[in-house]
């Protein structure tokens, strides 16, 4: 099961961390990250692969003007 941490806002960027367990294949990880990119505007920042097969992925996206004015970080 993939876990998603709450988004963190730093300046003009919003960051989100995902944890992909060892059972998730490389292809399934690619599809999941593609969906985040296509439908939510996230881009890949960093991927770390650990010895046990777990992947930690950091995504980022540029905050919009609406996010800045309302203070929302969705």
N, C-alpha and C. Protein backbone atom coordinates (compact mmCIF):
# COMPACT_ATOMS: atom_id res chain seq x y z
N UNK A 1 0.85 -1.18 0.00
CA UNK A 1 0.00 0.00 0.00
C UNK A 1 0.89 1.24 0.00
N UNK A 2 0.64 2.12 -0.92
CA UNK A 2 1.41 3.36 -1.02
C UNK A 2 0.93 4.33 0.04
N UNK A 3 1.88 4.96 0.71
CA UNK A 3 1.50 5.98 1.70
C UNK A 3 1.90 7.34 1.15
N UNK A 4 1.05 8.32 1.42
CA UNK A 4 1.26 9.68 0.95
C UNK A 4 1.30 10.60 2.15
N UNK A 5 2.39 11.35 2.26
CA UNK A 5 2.48 12.34 3.34
C UNK A 5 1.80 13.62 2.91
N UNK A 6 1.42 14.43 3.89
CA UNK A 6 0.77 15.70 3.63
C UNK A 6 1.74 16.62 2.87
N UNK A 7 1.20 17.46 2.02
CA UNK A 7 2.02 18.37 1.22
C UNK A 7 2.67 19.42 2.11
N UNK A 8 3.88 19.80 1.73
CA UNK A 8 4.63 20.84 2.43
C UNK A 8 4.83 21.98 1.45
N UNK A 9 4.59 23.21 1.89
CA UNK A 9 4.73 24.37 1.02
C UNK A 9 5.99 25.13 1.41
N UNK A 10 6.82 25.41 0.41
CA UNK A 10 8.02 26.22 0.59
C UNK A 10 8.08 27.23 -0.54
N UNK A 11 7.76 28.47 -0.23
CA UNK A 11 7.80 29.52 -1.24
C UNK A 11 6.78 29.26 -2.34
N UNK A 12 7.29 29.16 -3.57
CA UNK A 12 6.43 28.96 -4.73
C UNK A 12 6.18 27.49 -5.05
N UNK A 13 6.76 26.59 -4.27
CA UNK A 13 6.65 25.16 -4.55
C UNK A 13 5.92 24.43 -3.44
N UNK A 14 5.24 23.38 -3.85
CA UNK A 14 4.55 22.48 -2.93
C UNK A 14 5.18 21.09 -3.11
N UNK A 15 5.51 20.42 -2.02
CA UNK A 15 6.18 19.13 -2.07
C UNK A 15 5.32 18.06 -1.41
N UNK A 16 5.42 16.87 -1.92
CA UNK A 16 4.69 15.73 -1.34
C UNK A 16 5.60 14.50 -1.42
N UNK A 17 5.61 13.71 -0.35
CA UNK A 17 6.44 12.51 -0.31
C UNK A 17 5.56 11.28 -0.38
N UNK A 18 5.97 10.33 -1.20
CA UNK A 18 5.29 9.04 -1.32
C UNK A 18 6.24 7.94 -0.87
N UNK A 19 5.68 6.91 -0.28
CA UNK A 19 6.45 5.71 0.05
C UNK A 19 5.84 4.56 -0.72
N UNK A 20 6.65 3.95 -1.57
CA UNK A 20 6.19 2.80 -2.35
C UNK A 20 6.85 1.55 -1.77
N UNK A 21 6.06 0.60 -1.29
CA UNK A 21 6.61 -0.61 -0.68
C UNK A 21 7.30 -1.51 -1.70
N UNK A 22 8.09 -2.46 -1.22
CA UNK A 22 8.83 -3.36 -2.13
C UNK A 22 7.93 -4.15 -3.07
N UNK A 23 6.70 -4.42 -2.68
CA UNK A 23 5.79 -5.22 -3.51
C UNK A 23 5.35 -4.49 -4.77
N UNK A 24 5.52 -3.18 -4.83
CA UNK A 24 5.11 -2.40 -6.01
C UNK A 24 6.18 -2.55 -7.08
N UNK A 25 5.77 -3.04 -8.23
CA UNK A 25 6.73 -3.24 -9.33
C UNK A 25 7.16 -1.89 -9.91
N UNK A 26 8.24 -1.94 -10.65
CA UNK A 26 8.73 -0.72 -11.28
C UNK A 26 7.69 -0.14 -12.24
N UNK A 27 7.03 -1.01 -12.97
CA UNK A 27 6.01 -0.58 -13.92
C UNK A 27 4.81 0.05 -13.20
N UNK A 28 4.37 -0.57 -12.10
CA UNK A 28 3.25 -0.03 -11.34
C UNK A 28 3.62 1.33 -10.74
N UNK A 29 4.86 1.47 -10.27
CA UNK A 29 5.32 2.75 -9.73
C UNK A 29 5.30 3.82 -10.82
N UNK A 30 5.76 3.46 -12.02
CA UNK A 30 5.77 4.40 -13.14
C UNK A 30 4.35 4.86 -13.48
N UNK A 31 3.42 3.94 -13.50
CA UNK A 31 2.03 4.28 -13.82
C UNK A 31 1.45 5.21 -12.75
N UNK A 32 1.70 4.88 -11.49
CA UNK A 32 1.18 5.70 -10.40
C UNK A 32 1.75 7.12 -10.45
N UNK A 33 3.05 7.24 -10.70
CA UNK A 33 3.67 8.57 -10.77
C UNK A 33 3.19 9.34 -12.00
N UNK A 34 2.93 8.62 -13.10
CA UNK A 34 2.40 9.27 -14.30
C UNK A 34 1.01 9.85 -14.04
N UNK A 35 0.21 9.14 -13.27
CA UNK A 35 -1.13 9.64 -12.93
C UNK A 35 -1.03 10.90 -12.08
N UNK A 36 -0.12 10.90 -11.11
CA UNK A 36 0.09 12.11 -10.30
C UNK A 36 0.50 13.29 -11.18
N UNK A 37 1.35 13.03 -12.15
CA UNK A 37 1.82 14.09 -13.04
C UNK A 37 0.71 14.58 -13.97
N UNK A 38 0.00 13.66 -14.58
CA UNK A 38 -1.00 14.01 -15.59
C UNK A 38 -2.21 14.73 -15.00
N UNK A 39 -2.72 14.23 -13.89
CA UNK A 39 -3.98 14.75 -13.39
C UNK A 39 -3.86 15.72 -12.22
N UNK A 40 -2.71 15.76 -11.55
CA UNK A 40 -2.57 16.67 -10.41
C UNK A 40 -1.42 17.66 -10.58
N UNK A 41 -0.69 17.56 -11.68
CA UNK A 41 0.35 18.53 -11.97
C UNK A 41 1.66 18.35 -11.21
N UNK A 42 1.88 17.18 -10.61
CA UNK A 42 3.11 16.93 -9.86
C UNK A 42 4.22 16.55 -10.82
N UNK A 43 5.46 16.89 -10.46
CA UNK A 43 6.62 16.45 -11.21
C UNK A 43 7.58 15.75 -10.25
N UNK A 44 8.38 14.86 -10.80
CA UNK A 44 9.30 14.07 -10.01
C UNK A 44 10.48 14.93 -9.58
N UNK A 45 10.78 14.90 -8.28
CA UNK A 45 11.93 15.63 -7.77
C UNK A 45 13.06 14.67 -7.42
N UNK A 46 12.77 13.66 -6.60
CA UNK A 46 13.79 12.71 -6.15
C UNK A 46 13.18 11.34 -5.96
N UNK A 47 13.94 10.30 -6.29
CA UNK A 47 13.55 8.93 -5.99
C UNK A 47 14.73 8.26 -5.29
N UNK A 48 14.44 7.63 -4.17
CA UNK A 48 15.47 6.85 -3.47
C UNK A 48 15.00 5.42 -3.35
N UNK A 49 15.85 4.51 -3.75
CA UNK A 49 15.56 3.08 -3.66
C UNK A 49 16.41 2.52 -2.52
N UNK A 50 15.75 1.91 -1.55
CA UNK A 50 16.44 1.36 -0.39
C UNK A 50 16.71 -0.13 -0.58
N UNK A 51 17.61 -0.67 0.22
CA UNK A 51 18.05 -2.06 0.10
C UNK A 51 16.89 -3.05 0.22
N UNK A 52 15.87 -2.70 0.99
CA UNK A 52 14.72 -3.62 1.14
C UNK A 52 13.73 -3.52 -0.01
N UNK A 53 13.99 -2.64 -0.98
CA UNK A 53 13.11 -2.49 -2.14
C UNK A 53 12.11 -1.36 -2.01
N UNK A 54 12.05 -0.72 -0.85
CA UNK A 54 11.16 0.43 -0.65
C UNK A 54 11.67 1.61 -1.46
N UNK A 55 10.73 2.36 -2.03
CA UNK A 55 11.08 3.59 -2.74
C UNK A 55 10.49 4.78 -1.99
N UNK A 56 11.28 5.82 -1.82
CA UNK A 56 10.79 7.09 -1.29
C UNK A 56 10.85 8.08 -2.45
N UNK A 57 9.72 8.66 -2.76
CA UNK A 57 9.60 9.55 -3.91
C UNK A 57 9.17 10.92 -3.42
N UNK A 58 9.86 11.95 -3.86
CA UNK A 58 9.45 13.32 -3.57
C UNK A 58 8.93 13.93 -4.86
N UNK A 59 7.73 14.46 -4.79
CA UNK A 59 7.09 15.14 -5.93
C UNK A 59 7.01 16.62 -5.61
N UNK A 60 6.97 17.44 -6.63
CA UNK A 60 6.78 18.87 -6.41
C UNK A 60 5.91 19.44 -7.52
N UNK A 61 5.27 20.57 -7.19
CA UNK A 61 4.52 21.30 -8.21
C UNK A 61 4.53 22.77 -7.83
N UNK A 62 4.44 23.59 -8.84
CA UNK A 62 4.42 25.04 -8.66
C UNK A 62 3.06 25.44 -8.11
N UNK A 63 3.05 26.28 -7.10
CA UNK A 63 1.79 26.76 -6.55
C UNK A 63 1.18 27.76 -7.51
N UNK A 64 -0.14 27.77 -7.58
CA UNK A 64 -0.85 28.70 -8.46
C UNK A 64 -1.13 29.99 -7.73
N UNK A 65 -1.54 31.01 -8.47
CA UNK A 65 -1.88 32.30 -7.87
C UNK A 65 -3.03 32.15 -6.89
N UNK A 66 -3.98 31.25 -7.18
CA UNK A 66 -5.11 31.03 -6.29
C UNK A 66 -4.65 30.43 -4.96
N UNK A 67 -3.66 29.53 -5.00
CA UNK A 67 -3.10 28.95 -3.78
C UNK A 67 -2.45 30.03 -2.92
N UNK A 68 -1.74 30.96 -3.57
CA UNK A 68 -1.07 32.03 -2.84
C UNK A 68 -2.06 32.95 -2.15
N UNK A 69 -3.15 33.29 -2.82
CA UNK A 69 -4.09 34.26 -2.27
C UNK A 69 -4.95 33.66 -1.16
N UNK A 70 -5.28 32.36 -1.26
CA UNK A 70 -6.12 31.74 -0.23
C UNK A 70 -5.33 31.06 0.86
N UNK A 71 -4.04 30.85 0.61
CA UNK A 71 -3.21 30.17 1.59
C UNK A 71 -3.42 28.68 1.63
N UNK A 72 -4.08 28.10 0.62
CA UNK A 72 -4.34 26.68 0.57
C UNK A 72 -3.15 25.92 0.00
N UNK A 73 -2.97 24.74 0.49
CA UNK A 73 -1.92 23.86 -0.02
C UNK A 73 -2.51 22.48 -0.26
N UNK A 74 -3.30 22.33 -1.31
CA UNK A 74 -3.95 21.05 -1.60
C UNK A 74 -3.14 20.23 -2.55
